[in-house]
C-alpha atoms as a PDB file:
ATOM      1  CA  MET A   1     -19.193 -13.124 -10.834  1.00  0.00           C
ATOM      2  CA  SER A   2     -20.543 -14.613 -14.300  1.00  0.00           C
ATOM      3  CA  ASP A   3     -17.854 -15.585 -17.086  1.00  0.00           C
ATOM      4  CA  LEU A   4     -14.794 -13.948 -15.843  1.00  0.00           C
ATOM      5  CA  ARG A   5     -11.354 -14.564 -17.749  1.00  0.00           C
ATOM      6  CA  ILE A   6      -8.248 -12.984 -16.466  1.00  0.00           C
ATOM      7  CA  ARG A   7      -5.463 -13.214 -19.612  1.00  0.00           C
ATOM      8  CA  THR A   8      -2.681 -10.909 -20.920  1.00  0.00           C
ATOM      9  CA  ALA A   9      -3.059  -7.933 -23.077  1.00  0.00           C
ATOM     10  CA  GLY A  10      -1.541  -7.904 -26.561  1.00  0.00           C
ATOM     11  CA  PRO A  11      -1.093  -4.969 -29.009  1.00  0.00           C
ATOM     12  CA  GLU A  12      -4.347  -5.375 -30.273  1.00  0.00           C
ATOM     13  CA  ASP A  13      -6.064  -4.313 -26.782  1.00  0.00           C
ATOM     14  CA  LEU A  14      -4.084  -0.965 -26.432  1.00  0.00           C
ATOM     15  CA  ASP A  15      -6.738   1.644 -27.566  1.00  0.00           C
ATOM     16  CA  LEU A  16      -9.378  -0.327 -25.679  1.00  0.00           C
ATOM     17  CA  VAL A  17      -6.967  -0.214 -22.371  1.00  0.00           C
ATOM     18  CA  LEU A  18      -6.354   3.442 -22.917  1.00  0.00           C
ATOM     19  CA  ALA A  19      -9.918   4.152 -23.576  1.00  0.00           C
ATOM     20  CA  PHE A  20     -10.748   1.947 -20.328  1.00  0.00           C
ATOM     21  CA  TRP A  21      -8.612   3.784 -18.035  1.00  0.00           C
ATOM     22  CA  LYS A  22     -10.208   6.909 -18.758  1.00  0.00           C
ATOM     23  CA  VAL A  23     -13.305   5.885 -17.280  1.00  0.00           C
ATOM     24  CA  ALA A  24     -12.307   3.215 -14.875  1.00  0.00           C
ATOM     25  CA  ALA A  25      -8.532   4.660 -13.383  1.00  0.00           C
ATOM     26  CA  GLU A  26      -8.336   7.091 -11.099  1.00  0.00           C
ATOM     27  CA  GLY A  27      -5.829  10.114 -11.989  1.00  0.00           C
ATOM     28  CA  THR A  28      -3.657   9.744 -15.071  1.00  0.00           C
ATOM     29  CA  SER A  29      -0.072   8.844 -15.630  1.00  0.00           C
ATOM     30  CA  ILE A  30       2.714  10.302 -17.803  1.00  0.00           C
ATOM     31  CA  SER A  31       2.996   6.539 -19.546  1.00  0.00           C
ATOM     32  CA  ASP A  32      -0.988   6.734 -20.090  1.00  0.00           C
ATOM     33  CA  ASP A  33      -0.558   6.693 -23.806  1.00  0.00           C
ATOM     34  CA  ARG A  34       0.129   4.569 -26.876  1.00  0.00           C
ATOM     35  CA  ASP A  35       3.731   4.659 -26.650  1.00  0.00           C
ATOM     36  CA  GLY A  36       4.115   4.068 -22.893  1.00  0.00           C
ATOM     37  CA  VAL A  37       1.737   0.857 -23.228  1.00  0.00           C
ATOM     38  CA  GLU A  38       3.725  -0.499 -26.342  1.00  0.00           C
ATOM     39  CA  ARG A  39       6.919   0.071 -24.158  1.00  0.00           C
ATOM     40  CA  LEU A  40       5.625  -2.033 -21.746  1.00  0.00           C
ATOM     41  CA  LEU A  41       4.438  -4.757 -23.726  1.00  0.00           C
ATOM     42  CA  ALA A  42       7.585  -4.909 -25.792  1.00  0.00           C
ATOM     43  CA  ARG A  43       9.362  -4.911 -22.339  1.00  0.00           C
ATOM     44  CA  ASP A  44       7.306  -7.459 -20.688  1.00  0.00           C
ATOM     45  CA  PRO A  45       4.746  -8.981 -22.714  1.00  0.00           C
ATOM     46  CA  GLU A  46       2.804 -10.415 -19.630  1.00  0.00           C
ATOM     47  CA  ALA A  47       3.074  -7.403 -17.206  1.00  0.00           C
ATOM     48  CA  LEU A  48      -0.546  -6.053 -18.569  1.00  0.00           C
ATOM     49  CA  LEU A  49      -3.178  -8.349 -17.425  1.00  0.00           C
ATOM     50  CA  LEU A  50      -7.093  -7.942 -18.318  1.00  0.00           C
ATOM     51  CA  ALA A  51     -10.429  -8.921 -16.559  1.00  0.00           C
ATOM     52  CA  GLU A  52     -12.852  -9.599 -18.873  1.00  0.00           C
ATOM     53  CA  GLU A  53     -16.594 -10.530 -17.868  1.00  0.00           C
ATOM     54  CA  ASP A  54     -19.106 -11.787 -20.140  1.00  0.00           C
ATOM     55  CA  GLY A  55     -16.567 -10.690 -23.240  1.00  0.00           C
ATOM     56  CA  GLU A  56     -16.281  -7.350 -22.097  1.00  0.00           C
ATOM     57  CA  LEU A  57     -13.311  -5.600 -20.165  1.00  0.00           C
ATOM     58  CA  ALA A  58     -14.114  -5.268 -16.616  1.00  0.00           C
ATOM     59  CA  GLY A  59     -10.557  -4.288 -15.110  1.00  0.00           C
ATOM     60  CA  THR A  60      -6.737  -4.226 -15.537  1.00  0.00           C
ATOM     61  CA  VAL A  61      -3.620  -4.438 -13.396  1.00  0.00           C
ATOM     62  CA  ILE A  62      -0.277  -3.879 -14.340  1.00  0.00           C
ATOM     63  CA  ALA A  63       2.136  -6.683 -12.523  1.00  0.00           C
ATOM     64  CA  GLY A  64       5.472  -5.563 -13.228  1.00  0.00           C
ATOM     65  CA  PHE A  65       8.482  -7.124 -12.453  1.00  0.00           C
ATOM     66  CA  ASP A  66      12.135  -6.142 -13.182  1.00  0.00           C
ATOM     67  CA  GLY A  67      13.957  -9.125 -11.666  1.00  0.00           C
ATOM     68  CA  TRP A  68      14.255  -7.469  -8.097  1.00  0.00           C
ATOM     69  CA  ARG A  69      10.764  -6.023  -7.118  1.00  0.00           C
ATOM     70  CA  CYS A  70       7.129  -6.549  -8.208  1.00  0.00           C
ATOM     71  CA  HIS A  71       5.217  -3.636  -8.879  1.00  0.00           C
ATOM     72  CA  LEU A  72       1.654  -3.098  -9.381  1.00  0.00           C
ATOM     73  CA  TYR A  73       0.149  -0.188 -11.159  1.00  0.00           C
ATOM     74  CA  ARG A  74      -3.518   0.602 -13.087  1.00  0.00           C
ATOM     75  CA  LEU A  75      -5.619  -1.548 -10.799  1.00  0.00           C
ATOM     76  CA  ALA A  76      -8.839  -0.640 -12.416  1.00  0.00           C
ATOM     77  CA  VAL A  77     -12.306  -2.138 -12.230  1.00  0.00           C
ATOM     78  CA  HIS A  78     -15.294  -0.432 -14.273  1.00  0.00           C
ATOM     79  CA  PRO A  79     -17.196   1.484 -11.945  1.00  0.00           C
ATOM     80  CA  ASP A  80     -20.317  -0.628 -12.652  1.00  0.00           C
ATOM     81  CA  ARG A  81     -18.600  -3.900 -11.659  1.00  0.00           C
ATOM     82  CA  ARG A  82     -16.980  -2.896  -8.645  1.00  0.00           C
ATOM     83  CA  ARG A  83     -17.291  -4.946  -5.475  1.00  0.00           C
ATOM     84  CA  HIS A  84     -17.683  -8.267  -7.091  1.00  0.00           C
ATOM     85  CA  GLY A  85     -14.247  -9.952  -7.036  1.00  0.00           C
ATOM     86  CA  ILE A  86     -12.932  -8.775 -10.197  1.00  0.00           C
ATOM     87  CA  GLY A  87     -10.008  -6.533  -8.460  1.00  0.00           C
ATOM     88  CA  SER A  88      -9.336  -9.551  -6.128  1.00  0.00           C
ATOM     89  CA  ALA A  89      -8.827 -11.841  -9.069  1.00  0.00           C
ATOM     90  CA  LEU A  90      -6.889  -9.645 -11.044  1.00  0.00           C
ATOM     91  CA  LEU A  91      -4.427  -9.371  -7.911  1.00  0.00           C
ATOM     92  CA  ALA A  92      -4.594 -12.841  -7.108  1.00  0.00           C
ATOM     93  CA  ALA A  93      -3.384 -13.388 -10.845  1.00  0.00           C
ATOM     94  CA  ALA A  94      -0.578 -10.849 -10.446  1.00  0.00           C
ATOM     95  CA  GLU A  95       0.467 -12.186  -7.328  1.00  0.00           C
ATOM     96  CA  GLU A  96       0.947 -15.762  -8.842  1.00  0.00           C
ATOM     97  CA  ARG A  97       2.960 -14.141 -11.714  1.00  0.00           C
ATOM     98  CA  PHE A  98       5.136 -12.806  -9.094  1.00  0.00           C
ATOM     99  CA  VAL A  99       5.613 -15.929  -7.141  1.00  0.00           C
ATOM    100  CA  ARG A 100       6.360 -17.771 -10.561  1.00  0.00           C
ATOM    101  CA  LEU A 101       9.017 -15.141 -11.491  1.00  0.00           C
ATOM    102  CA  GLY A 102      10.804 -15.448  -7.784  1.00  0.00           C
ATOM    103  CA  GLY A 103       9.430 -12.232  -6.413  1.00  0.00           C
ATOM    104  CA  ARG A 104       9.207 -11.915  -2.770  1.00  0.00           C
ATOM    105  CA  ARG A 105       6.915  -8.668  -2.255  1.00  0.00           C
ATOM    106  CA  GLY A 106       4.533  -6.882  -4.096  1.00  0.00           C
ATOM    107  CA  ASP A 107       4.380  -3.099  -3.874  1.00  0.00           C
ATOM    108  CA  ALA A 108       1.492  -0.606  -5.036  1.00  0.00           C
ATOM    109  CA  MET A 109       1.265   3.110  -5.977  1.00  0.00           C
ATOM    110  CA  VAL A 110      -2.121   4.431  -4.408  1.00  0.00           C
ATOM    111  CA  LEU A 111      -2.987   7.810  -4.582  1.00  0.00           C
ATOM    112  CA  GLN A 112      -3.214   9.448  -1.014  1.00  0.00           C
ATOM    113  CA  SER A 113      -6.766  10.903  -1.979  1.00  0.00           C
ATOM    114  CA  ASN A 114      -8.153   7.719  -3.350  1.00  0.00           C
ATOM    115  CA  THR A 115      -9.979   6.363  -0.279  1.00  0.00           C
ATOM    116  CA  THR A 116     -11.761   3.660  -2.148  1.00  0.00           C
ATOM    117  CA  ALA A 117      -8.612   2.335  -3.428  1.00  0.00           C
ATOM    118  CA  GLN A 118      -6.900   2.289  -0.101  1.00  0.00           C
ATOM    119  CA  HIS A 119      -9.561   0.164   1.442  1.00  0.00           C
ATOM    120  CA  ALA A 120      -9.233  -2.373  -1.586  1.00  0.00           C
ATOM    121  CA  TRP A 121      -5.559  -2.443  -1.107  1.00  0.00           C
ATOM    122  CA  ARG A 122      -6.014  -3.259   2.551  1.00  0.00           C
ATOM    123  CA  ALA A 123      -8.337  -5.668   1.976  1.00  0.00           C
ATOM    124  CA  ALA A 124      -6.132  -7.513  -0.164  1.00  0.00           C
ATOM    125  CA  GLY A 125      -3.401  -7.447   2.392  1.00  0.00           C
ATOM    126  CA  TYR A 126      -1.445  -4.543   1.362  1.00  0.00           C
ATOM    127  CA  ALA A 127      -0.479  -1.673   4.065  1.00  0.00           C
ATOM    128  CA  PRO A 128       1.490   1.815   3.227  1.00  0.00           C
ATOM    129  CA  GLU A 129       5.008   2.246   4.217  1.00  0.00           C
ATOM    130  CA  GLN A 130       5.069   5.257   6.207  1.00  0.00           C
ATOM    131  CA  HIS A 131       8.883   5.321   6.053  1.00  0.00           C
ATOM    132  CA  TRP A 132       9.353   5.430   2.263  1.00  0.00           C
ATOM    133  CA  ARG A 133       8.425   8.427   0.216  1.00  0.00           C
ATOM    134  CA  ARG A 134       8.340   8.308  -3.657  1.00  0.00           C
ATOM    135  CA  TRP A 135      10.622  10.920  -5.039  1.00  0.00           C
ATOM    136  CA  VAL A 136       9.946  11.597  -8.875  1.00  0.00           C
ATOM    137  CA  LYS A 137      11.693  13.457 -11.928  1.00  0.00           C
ATOM    138  CA  PRO A 138      10.170  13.766 -15.296  1.00  0.00           C
ATOM    139  CA  LEU A 139      12.847  12.969 -18.089  1.00  0.00           C
ATOM    140  CA  PRO A 140      12.739  14.694 -21.065  1.00  0.00           C
ATOM    141  CA  SER A 141      10.941  12.820 -24.103  1.00  0.00           C
END
């Protein structure tokens, strides 16, 4: 890695992050819009971590802590910069944040069809819990 810097995102980064996710993130989320990310930062200003390499956005992770559980979302590394330790650096920063806040276990949402991500999460020490299933219901806007 050349010049890698991990920092929290601010409101000035939102357009860049949203455009980055279209290139680097797998799938889309109902909250992948400016309002959704603004709400995240208003609720937890340190949750969205950015990796910058040589002054350019190279990766993201949302490290959300609700006081009870540690949730990881949107771990994304630019396709041209994968397999250089950026994802590992982001996860290390997220896990340090969780420990600092009193978190005990991190969990990640990983698409079943995203085998590349599954390998990355396994390499970072995460494993699927087969006895849990995610249940969702879209709420009215």
